[in-house]
Protein backbone atom coordinates (compact mmCIF):
# COMPACT_ATOMS: atom_id res chain seq x y z
CA MET A 1 79.06 -51.94 -92.05
CA SER A 2 78.96 -49.91 -95.26
CA VAL A 3 75.77 -48.58 -96.81
CA ARG A 4 75.94 -51.14 -99.61
CA ASP A 5 76.24 -53.97 -97.09
CA GLN A 6 73.29 -52.66 -95.11
CA LEU A 7 71.16 -52.54 -98.25
CA GLU A 8 72.13 -56.07 -99.22
CA ASP A 9 71.42 -57.32 -95.70
CA PHE A 10 67.98 -55.69 -95.73
CA CYS A 11 67.19 -57.22 -99.12
CA THR A 12 68.17 -60.65 -97.81
CA GLN A 13 65.91 -60.25 -94.79
CA LEU A 14 63.02 -59.26 -97.04
CA ARG A 15 63.49 -62.28 -99.32
CA ARG A 16 63.61 -64.61 -96.30
CA ARG A 17 60.52 -62.93 -94.77
CA GLN A 18 62.44 -62.14 -91.62
CA ILE A 19 60.81 -58.69 -91.46
CA GLU A 20 57.02 -58.79 -91.31
CA GLY A 21 54.58 -55.91 -91.22
CA SER A 22 54.24 -52.77 -93.31
CA LEU A 23 55.19 -50.44 -90.46
CA ALA A 24 58.47 -52.17 -89.59
CA THR A 25 59.38 -52.50 -93.26
CA GLY A 26 58.54 -48.91 -94.08
CA ARG A 27 60.47 -47.51 -91.14
CA ARG A 28 63.56 -49.55 -91.98
CA THR A 29 63.32 -48.37 -95.59
CA ALA A 30 63.24 -44.74 -94.49
CA GLU A 31 66.25 -45.24 -92.19
CA LEU A 32 68.31 -46.86 -94.94
CA LEU A 33 67.45 -44.15 -97.46
CA ARG A 34 68.42 -41.51 -94.91
CA ILE A 35 71.82 -43.17 -94.45
CA PHE A 36 72.24 -43.49 -98.21
CA ILE A 37 71.46 -39.81 -98.84
CA SER A 38 73.69 -38.65 -95.97
CA THR A 39 76.78 -40.64 -96.97
CA ASN A 40 76.71 -40.10 -100.75
CA ARG A 41 77.55 -36.90 -102.61
CA HIS A 42 75.13 -35.54 -105.20
CA SER A 43 75.71 -32.45 -107.30
CA ASP A 44 72.04 -31.63 -107.80
CA ALA A 45 68.52 -32.84 -107.11
CA LEU A 46 68.26 -34.83 -110.35
CA ALA A 47 71.28 -36.98 -109.44
CA LEU A 48 69.78 -37.60 -106.01
CA VAL A 49 66.43 -38.58 -107.53
CA GLU A 50 68.11 -41.09 -109.84
CA ASP A 51 70.01 -42.78 -106.99
CA VAL A 52 67.03 -42.90 -104.61
CA ARG A 53 64.83 -44.39 -107.34
CA SER A 54 67.48 -47.01 -108.05
CA VAL A 55 67.79 -48.01 -104.38
CA GLY A 56 64.02 -48.01 -103.87
CA ASN A 57 63.49 -50.17 -106.95
CA LYS A 58 66.05 -52.67 -105.67
CA LEU A 59 64.41 -52.89 -102.25
CA GLN A 60 60.94 -53.25 -103.77
CA ALA A 61 62.14 -56.07 -106.03
CA ALA A 62 63.35 -57.99 -102.96
CA LYS A 63 59.73 -58.22 -101.70
CA PRO A 64 57.18 -57.06 -104.28
CA ILE A 65 54.19 -57.83 -102.05
CA GLU A 66 55.31 -55.27 -99.44
CA LEU A 67 54.17 -52.08 -101.17
CA ALA A 68 55.14 -49.91 -98.19
CA ILE A 69 58.74 -49.99 -99.47
CA GLY A 70 57.76 -48.21 -102.66
CA ASN A 71 55.43 -45.86 -100.78
CA ILE A 72 58.21 -44.61 -98.49
CA THR A 73 60.56 -44.25 -101.46
CA ARG A 74 57.98 -42.13 -103.30
CA ARG A 75 57.46 -39.96 -100.21
CA ILE A 76 61.19 -39.19 -100.08
CA LEU A 77 61.34 -38.53 -103.82
CA HIS A 78 58.46 -36.11 -103.40
CA MET A 79 60.43 -34.29 -100.68
CA ILE A 80 63.45 -33.96 -102.98
CA ARG A 81 61.34 -32.59 -105.82
CA GLU A 82 59.66 -30.05 -103.56
CA GLU A 83 63.03 -28.77 -102.32
CA SER A 84 64.22 -28.54 -105.92
CA GLU A 85 61.18 -26.47 -106.88
CA GLU A 86 61.69 -24.12 -103.93
CA GLU A 87 65.33 -23.68 -104.89
CA HIS A 88 64.31 -22.90 -108.47
CA ASP A 89 61.77 -20.31 -107.29
CA GLU A 90 64.29 -18.61 -105.02
CA LEU A 91 66.84 -18.37 -107.83
CA GLU A 92 64.22 -16.81 -110.10
CA ASP A 93 63.30 -14.26 -107.42
CA VAL A 94 66.93 -13.30 -106.91
CA ALA A 95 67.51 -13.00 -110.65
CA GLN A 96 64.52 -10.65 -110.93
CA GLY A 97 65.70 -8.54 -108.00
CA GLN A 98 62.91 -9.66 -105.70
CA GLN A 99 62.94 -11.07 -102.20
CA PRO A 100 62.87 -14.84 -101.83
CA GLN A 101 59.43 -16.29 -101.26
CA LYS A 102 60.23 -17.31 -97.66
CA GLN A 103 61.02 -13.68 -96.78
CA LYS A 104 57.84 -12.56 -98.49
CA ASP A 105 55.77 -14.93 -96.38
CA LYS A 106 57.09 -13.32 -93.20
CA ALA A 107 55.51 -10.00 -94.08
CA GLY A 108 52.04 -10.49 -92.71
CA LEU A 109 49.61 -12.42 -90.57
CA LEU A 110 46.54 -11.39 -92.54
CA SER A 111 45.71 -11.55 -96.23
CA LYS A 112 48.22 -9.84 -98.52
CA ALA A 113 45.37 -8.65 -100.69
CA LEU A 114 44.18 -6.34 -97.90
CA ARG A 115 47.49 -4.50 -97.66
CA ALA A 116 48.16 -1.12 -99.23
CA PRO A 117 51.43 0.78 -99.75
CA LEU A 118 53.04 2.35 -96.73
CA GLY A 119 51.37 5.57 -95.59
CA THR A 120 48.00 4.98 -97.24
CA ARG A 121 46.46 3.09 -94.31
CA THR A 122 46.01 4.35 -90.77
CA LEU A 123 46.55 2.20 -87.71
CA SER A 124 43.40 0.46 -86.44
CA LEU A 125 42.31 -2.69 -84.70
CA HIS A 126 41.78 -4.31 -88.08
CA ASN A 127 45.32 -3.82 -89.36
CA LEU A 128 47.21 -3.60 -86.08
CA LEU A 129 48.72 -7.05 -86.49
CA ASP A 130 49.66 -6.28 -90.07
CA GLN A 131 51.49 -2.98 -89.66
CA ALA A 132 54.56 -4.20 -87.80
CA PRO A 133 55.38 -7.03 -90.24
CA PHE A 134 54.61 -4.69 -93.15
CA LEU A 135 57.03 -2.06 -91.85
CA GLU A 136 59.65 -4.74 -91.34
CA GLY A 137 59.17 -5.93 -94.91
CA GLN A 138 59.48 -2.38 -96.27
CA GLN A 139 62.68 -1.84 -94.29
CA MET A 140 64.17 -5.07 -95.60
CA GLN A 141 63.26 -4.07 -99.15
CA LEU A 142 64.93 -0.66 -98.76
CA GLN A 143 68.09 -2.30 -97.39
CA TYR A 144 68.11 -4.69 -100.32
CA LEU A 145 67.80 -1.82 -102.83
CA GLU A 146 70.66 0.07 -101.11
CA ARG A 147 72.93 -2.96 -101.38
CA GLN A 148 72.04 -3.32 -105.05
CA GLN A 149 72.90 0.36 -105.67
CA GLN A 150 76.24 0.05 -103.87
CA HIS A 151 77.09 -3.02 -105.91
CA THR A 152 76.27 -1.16 -109.14
CA GLU A 153 78.47 1.79 -108.17
CA GLN A 154 81.40 -0.51 -107.42
CA ILE A 155 81.09 -2.10 -110.84
CA GLN A 156 81.02 1.29 -112.58
CA GLN A 157 84.23 2.52 -110.82
CA PRO A 158 87.52 2.04 -112.73
CA PRO A 159 89.52 -0.96 -111.56
CA VAL A 160 92.40 -0.31 -109.23
CA THR A 161 95.75 -1.49 -110.62
CA GLN A 162 98.17 -3.58 -108.66
CA GLN A 163 100.72 -0.72 -108.62
CA HIS A 164 98.40 1.41 -106.47
CA GLN A 165 97.86 -1.44 -104.06
CA LEU A 166 101.53 -2.42 -103.71
CA PRO A 167 103.79 0.63 -103.94
CA GLY A 168 107.49 0.07 -104.40
CA PRO A 169 109.25 -2.93 -105.78
CA GLY A 170 107.19 -6.07 -106.03
CA PRO A 171 106.05 -8.76 -108.39
CA SER A 172 104.80 -7.78 -111.79
CA MET A 173 101.04 -7.60 -112.30
CA PHE A 174 101.48 -9.85 -115.31
CA ALA A 175 103.44 -12.48 -113.39
CA PRO A 176 101.64 -15.83 -113.09
CA GLU A 177 99.98 -16.42 -109.75
CA VAL A 178 101.60 -19.15 -107.70
CA ASP A 179 99.28 -21.93 -106.49
CA HIS A 180 100.46 -23.20 -103.11
CA THR A 181 98.02 -26.10 -102.91
CA THR A 182 99.59 -29.54 -103.02
CA GLU A 183 98.67 -32.28 -105.49
CA ALA A 184 97.04 -34.33 -102.73
CA GLU A 185 94.70 -31.46 -101.82
CA THR A 186 93.87 -30.84 -105.48
CA SER A 187 93.02 -34.48 -106.12
CA LYS A 188 90.99 -34.62 -102.92
CA LYS A 189 88.93 -31.59 -103.95
CA SER A 190 88.33 -33.00 -107.42
CA LYS A 191 87.09 -36.30 -106.00
CA LYS A 192 84.62 -34.61 -103.67
CA GLY A 193 82.96 -32.42 -106.26
CA PRO A 194 80.00 -30.11 -105.63
CA VAL A 195 77.22 -31.01 -103.20
CA TRP A 196 73.56 -30.05 -103.51
CA LYS A 197 73.01 -27.32 -100.94
CA ARG A 198 69.48 -28.37 -99.94
CA LYS A 199 70.28 -31.97 -99.14
CA HIS A 200 70.26 -31.28 -95.40
CA LEU A 201 66.66 -30.05 -95.68
CA VAL A 202 65.66 -33.36 -97.26
CA ILE A 203 67.36 -35.24 -94.42
CA GLU A 204 65.43 -33.17 -91.88
CA GLN A 205 62.16 -34.10 -93.58
CA ILE A 206 63.14 -37.78 -93.56
CA ASN A 207 63.78 -37.52 -89.82
CA GLU A 208 60.28 -36.11 -89.41
CA LEU A 209 58.91 -38.97 -91.52
CA ILE A 210 60.62 -41.56 -89.28
CA ASP A 211 59.20 -39.88 -86.18
CA GLU A 212 55.79 -39.88 -87.85
CA LEU A 213 56.02 -43.63 -88.51
CA ALA A 214 56.86 -44.25 -84.86
CA GLU A 215 53.67 -42.46 -83.73
CA ILE A 216 51.23 -43.68 -86.38
CA ASP A 217 49.31 -46.21 -84.27
CA CYS A 218 49.06 -43.76 -81.36
CA ASN A 219 47.74 -40.99 -83.61
CA ILE A 220 45.09 -43.33 -85.00
CA ALA A 221 44.11 -44.51 -81.53
CA LEU A 222 43.59 -40.94 -80.31
CA GLN A 223 40.58 -40.68 -82.65
CA ALA A 224 38.83 -43.68 -81.10
CA GLY A 225 36.48 -41.54 -79.01
CA ASP A 226 35.07 -39.92 -82.15
CA HIS A 227 34.12 -43.22 -83.79
CA ILE A 228 33.08 -45.57 -80.96
CA HIS A 229 30.10 -44.70 -78.77
CA ALA A 230 28.63 -46.15 -75.60
CA ASN A 231 26.94 -49.57 -75.65
CA GLU A 232 27.92 -50.28 -79.25
CA VAL A 233 28.80 -53.72 -80.60
CA ILE A 234 32.02 -53.66 -82.63
CA LEU A 235 33.09 -56.52 -84.91
CA THR A 236 36.72 -57.01 -85.88
CA PHE A 237 38.52 -59.69 -87.83
CA GLY A 238 41.78 -61.50 -87.07
CA MET A 239 44.74 -59.83 -85.37
CA SER A 240 45.65 -56.18 -85.93
CA ASN A 241 47.84 -54.14 -83.61
CA THR A 242 46.32 -50.91 -84.89
CA THR A 243 42.79 -52.13 -84.16
CA LEU A 244 43.86 -53.42 -80.74
CA LEU A 245 45.28 -50.04 -79.66
CA PHE A 246 42.23 -48.27 -81.12
CA LEU A 247 39.81 -50.36 -79.06
CA LYS A 248 41.91 -50.07 -75.91
CA GLU A 249 41.95 -46.28 -76.23
CA ALA A 250 38.18 -46.17 -76.74
CA ALA A 251 37.63 -48.40 -73.67
CA LYS A 252 39.10 -45.66 -71.45
CA LYS A 253 35.98 -43.51 -72.02
CA ARG A 254 33.31 -45.84 -73.40
CA ASN A 255 31.64 -49.12 -72.48
CA PHE A 256 31.10 -51.35 -75.51
CA GLN A 257 31.30 -54.95 -76.68
CA VAL A 258 33.66 -56.47 -79.23
CA VAL A 259 33.00 -59.52 -81.41
CA VAL A 260 36.21 -61.02 -82.79
CA ALA A 261 36.18 -63.38 -85.78
CA GLU A 262 39.00 -65.91 -85.53
CA GLY A 263 40.49 -65.19 -88.99
CA ALA A 264 41.34 -68.69 -90.22
CA PRO A 265 43.73 -70.18 -91.18
CA MET A 266 46.12 -67.96 -89.15
CA TYR A 267 43.61 -67.71 -86.28
CA GLY A 268 44.91 -64.32 -85.24
CA GLY A 269 41.52 -63.54 -83.75
CA HIS A 270 42.29 -65.85 -80.82
CA GLN A 271 45.18 -63.63 -79.77
CA GLN A 272 43.15 -60.48 -80.41
CA ALA A 273 40.28 -61.70 -78.24
CA ARG A 274 42.63 -62.70 -75.42
CA GLN A 275 44.36 -59.31 -75.33
CA LEU A 276 41.08 -57.42 -75.45
CA ALA A 277 39.73 -59.48 -72.56
CA GLN A 278 42.88 -58.80 -70.55
CA ALA A 279 42.26 -55.07 -71.10
CA GLY A 280 38.85 -55.42 -69.44
CA ILE A 281 36.77 -55.20 -72.64
CA ASN A 282 33.66 -57.37 -73.04
CA THR A 283 34.83 -59.71 -75.82
CA THR A 284 33.19 -62.56 -77.76
CA ALA A 285 35.14 -64.82 -80.14
CA ILE A 286 33.30 -66.43 -83.05
CA ALA A 287 34.14 -68.64 -86.02
CA ASP A 288 34.40 -67.09 -89.45
CA SER A 289 31.33 -69.02 -90.56
CA ALA A 290 29.21 -67.12 -87.98
CA ILE A 291 30.11 -63.64 -89.28
CA PHE A 292 26.99 -63.20 -91.40
CA ALA A 293 24.66 -64.35 -88.62
CA MET A 294 26.35 -62.09 -86.04
CA MET A 295 26.40 -59.02 -88.29
CA ALA A 296 22.73 -58.30 -87.60
CA ARG A 297 23.65 -57.29 -84.02
CA VAL A 298 26.76 -55.29 -84.92
CA ASN A 299 26.85 -51.48 -85.04
CA LYS A 300 30.25 -51.04 -86.70
CA VAL A 301 33.07 -53.09 -88.26
CA LEU A 302 36.72 -52.16 -87.60
CA VAL A 303 39.52 -53.85 -89.55
CA GLY A 304 43.15 -53.24 -90.40
CA THR A 305 44.65 -53.50 -93.86
CA HIS A 306 47.86 -54.33 -95.68
CA THR A 307 47.66 -51.72 -98.46
CA VAL A 308 45.36 -48.92 -99.60
CA LEU A 309 45.23 -48.82 -103.41
CA ALA A 310 44.80 -45.81 -105.69
CA ASN A 311 41.12 -46.49 -106.43
CA GLY A 312 40.20 -46.58 -102.73
CA GLY A 313 40.19 -50.38 -102.44
CA ILE A 314 42.35 -52.29 -99.98
CA MET A 315 44.43 -55.44 -99.79
CA ALA A 316 43.56 -56.93 -96.40
CA PRO A 317 44.06 -60.35 -94.74
CA VAL A 318 42.19 -63.15 -96.46
CA GLY A 319 38.59 -63.33 -95.31
CA THR A 320 38.11 -59.56 -95.01
CA HIS A 321 36.07 -59.46 -98.22
CA VAL A 322 33.51 -61.80 -96.66
CA VAL A 323 33.22 -59.46 -93.67
CA ALA A 324 32.78 -56.45 -95.96
CA LEU A 325 30.03 -58.16 -97.96
CA ALA A 326 28.15 -59.10 -94.78
CA ALA A 327 28.46 -55.52 -93.48
CA LYS A 328 27.16 -54.15 -96.78
CA HIS A 329 24.17 -56.50 -96.70
CA HIS A 330 23.23 -55.36 -93.18
CA SER A 331 24.01 -51.66 -93.86
CA CYS A 332 26.72 -51.71 -91.22
CA PRO A 333 29.58 -49.16 -91.48
CA PHE A 334 32.84 -50.78 -92.58
CA VAL A 335 35.75 -48.72 -91.18
CA VAL A 336 39.40 -49.34 -92.11
CA LEU A 337 42.18 -48.29 -89.72
CA THR A 338 45.40 -47.56 -91.59
CA GLY A 339 48.46 -45.35 -91.63
CA LEU A 340 49.23 -43.26 -94.68
CA HIS A 341 52.49 -45.16 -95.19
CA LYS A 342 50.25 -47.89 -96.67
CA LEU A 343 48.82 -45.55 -99.29
CA SER A 344 49.91 -46.84 -102.72
CA PRO A 345 49.46 -45.09 -106.10
CA LEU A 346 49.01 -48.46 -107.82
CA PHE A 347 45.75 -49.96 -109.05
CA PRO A 348 44.49 -53.52 -108.47
CA HIS A 349 44.45 -54.26 -112.21
CA ASP A 350 48.13 -53.36 -112.69
CA PRO A 351 49.70 -56.52 -114.21
CA SER A 352 53.26 -55.52 -113.30
CA VAL A 353 52.63 -55.62 -109.54
CA THR A 354 52.14 -58.65 -107.33
CA PHE A 355 49.26 -57.99 -104.97
CA ASN A 356 49.01 -61.40 -103.34
CA ASP A 357 51.16 -64.15 -101.91
CA PHE A 358 50.57 -67.74 -100.85
CA ARG A 359 51.55 -69.38 -97.61
CA SER A 360 52.22 -73.03 -96.83
CA PRO A 361 49.29 -75.45 -97.39
CA ALA A 362 50.15 -77.04 -94.03
CA GLU A 363 48.25 -74.21 -92.31
CA ILE A 364 45.03 -75.53 -93.88
CA ILE A 365 45.46 -79.31 -94.02
CA ASP A 366 48.07 -81.61 -92.54
CA PHE A 367 50.21 -83.57 -94.98
CA ASP A 368 49.61 -86.81 -93.07
CA VAL A 369 45.86 -86.49 -93.60
CA VAL A 370 46.38 -86.19 -97.35
CA ALA A 371 48.72 -89.18 -97.36
CA GLU A 372 46.20 -91.36 -95.49
CA ALA A 373 43.31 -90.34 -97.73
CA PHE A 374 45.16 -91.18 -100.92
CA PRO A 375 47.32 -94.30 -100.54
CA ALA A 376 50.08 -94.95 -103.01
CA ASP A 377 48.67 -98.37 -104.10
CA LEU A 378 45.51 -97.66 -106.06
CA GLU A 379 43.61 -100.86 -106.92
CA ASP A 380 41.74 -99.46 -109.94
CA GLY A 381 44.95 -98.47 -111.71
CA THR A 382 44.46 -94.70 -111.33
CA ASP A 383 47.57 -92.64 -111.76
CA PRO A 384 48.63 -91.18 -108.35
CA GLU A 385 49.23 -87.81 -109.99
CA ASP A 386 45.53 -87.58 -110.89
CA VAL A 387 44.46 -87.62 -107.22
CA TYR A 388 46.71 -84.84 -105.98
CA VAL A 389 44.98 -82.27 -103.74
CA HIS A 390 45.86 -78.69 -104.61
CA VAL A 391 45.60 -76.49 -101.50
CA ALA A 392 45.57 -72.71 -102.05
CA ASN A 393 46.40 -70.56 -99.05
CA PRO A 394 46.38 -66.89 -100.14
CA MET A 395 47.44 -64.17 -97.73
CA PHE A 396 45.24 -61.26 -98.84
CA ASP A 397 41.79 -60.34 -100.10
CA TYR A 398 40.88 -57.42 -102.31
CA VAL A 399 38.03 -55.28 -100.97
CA PRO A 400 36.61 -52.80 -103.52
CA PRO A 401 35.98 -49.18 -102.48
CA GLU A 402 32.19 -49.47 -102.71
CA LEU A 403 32.25 -51.77 -99.66
CA ILE A 404 34.30 -49.33 -97.53
CA SER A 405 32.63 -46.57 -95.52
CA LEU A 406 35.59 -44.70 -94.04
CA PHE A 407 39.37 -44.69 -93.65
CA VAL A 408 40.67 -43.61 -90.25
CA THR A 409 44.30 -42.57 -90.73
CA ASP A 410 46.94 -40.88 -88.60
CA THR A 411 45.91 -37.52 -90.11
CA GLY A 412 42.12 -37.93 -89.87
CA GLY A 413 39.20 -39.67 -91.50
CA TYR A 414 38.72 -39.89 -95.28
CA THR A 415 36.25 -41.52 -97.62
CA PRO A 416 37.50 -43.77 -100.45
CA SER A 417 36.67 -41.04 -102.99
CA TYR A 418 39.25 -38.74 -101.33
CA ILE A 419 42.19 -41.07 -101.90
CA TYR A 420 43.21 -39.35 -105.14
CA ARG A 421 43.71 -36.08 -103.23
CA LEU A 422 46.01 -37.79 -100.75
CA LEU A 423 48.04 -39.28 -103.59
CA ALA A 424 48.58 -35.83 -105.09
CA GLU A 425 49.63 -34.48 -101.69
CA TYR A 426 52.19 -37.15 -100.78
CA TYR A 427 53.53 -38.39 -104.13
CA THR A 428 54.64 -37.04 -107.50
CA ARG A 429 53.12 -38.60 -110.60
CA GLU A 430 56.54 -39.10 -112.22
CA ASP A 431 57.47 -41.46 -109.36
CA TYR A 432 54.42 -43.72 -109.50
CA ASP A 433 56.37 -46.28 -111.55
CA LEU A 434 59.74 -46.94 -109.92
CA ASN A 435 60.60 -49.56 -112.54
CA SER A 436 60.73 -47.11 -115.43
CA LYS A 437 64.21 -46.86 -116.88
CA ALA A 438 63.97 -43.23 -117.97
CA VAL A 439 64.07 -40.84 -115.04
CA HIS A 440 61.69 -37.99 -115.63
CA ALA A 441 63.10 -34.51 -115.36
CA LEU A 442 62.27 -32.41 -112.36
CA SER A 443 59.34 -30.04 -112.53
CA ARG A 444 60.02 -26.77 -114.31
């Protein structure tokens, strides 16, 4: 199957909702972009950025509610831009007759500011680790200067004519050079064109990203012992695989109780409570209407999320906002477990982005019940259209950052006020809007 066919197949699966979950969607997006970058030729980083933005925009349009698609695309674009900047810096260093930055970084284990020129510092315990790398750097610099001098001397020497190289009868030095390449080889070379030399480094980083996605839940669960203590009462809401693994990992070293709200209308809390009980954890299942009454006995709230927004708020399963309000009222810490692949640079007030979706009304009320309550033959002459029951079944709730105490991610814990630093670390501002028609130029 070609790359184009794989992209079309993935878009079809997204439209049909055959792929559910941010982690599965994000990992598949990274794999497809890796295949796309590996099989297509790009002359420079700018051409690669344009194509990746185009593919990412197409995938995001197939399922706008799944913001992890755009997040993974922005991560890869950020990798490309970083490699382009490093390439630009290395070319500038070479043009100025300096060592590339990577070779400079090898020249010491301590601060470069503490180093002095060779011969001015004596060997001691303080600079023992620094002397060997410093000597190596000086030697490399001397070798580089020698090569530069030899190259200059060769340029200054008079050119050697062809008569000195080929004594005796031979072809004239003014005779046209014969090209032995065939037309097929020439056309083949022209079709291939130049290839960006640092593309393989981008592919290596994408491989690391895919491995990181595979270990996200495990890395979050390893921090469970730092957040759950003995004899605590933990409240969770609905079904979350990340929360389930987190609680199971904490149960290996701590004894605690878990209260699980059922999470209507999906009732994922029933499955969550059953799996926690099978793991030997003291579990209590409650209705959503009992959350406020139960919160007085709870020490901490743990929930999963669908998306982390740029202002520190989250889009979580419907009903999570009620849990957050109850926790705020009782001064109970509200902790969100999430991977950084869910970190989005978009804001909740952005009108161009769809932050919610609606499921079938049948999950709330059966169609037969509605039909029995409102018969077709109305005796008072009321129009049947006036008695229609509109049933809204949204998928997500928005929880503002002031209701969130802490984010526990695969790289550590962060407060909502720290989200802007994570955005600057993982994304480039020019890639926040994938729908923009004009591709911004690379930095520098």
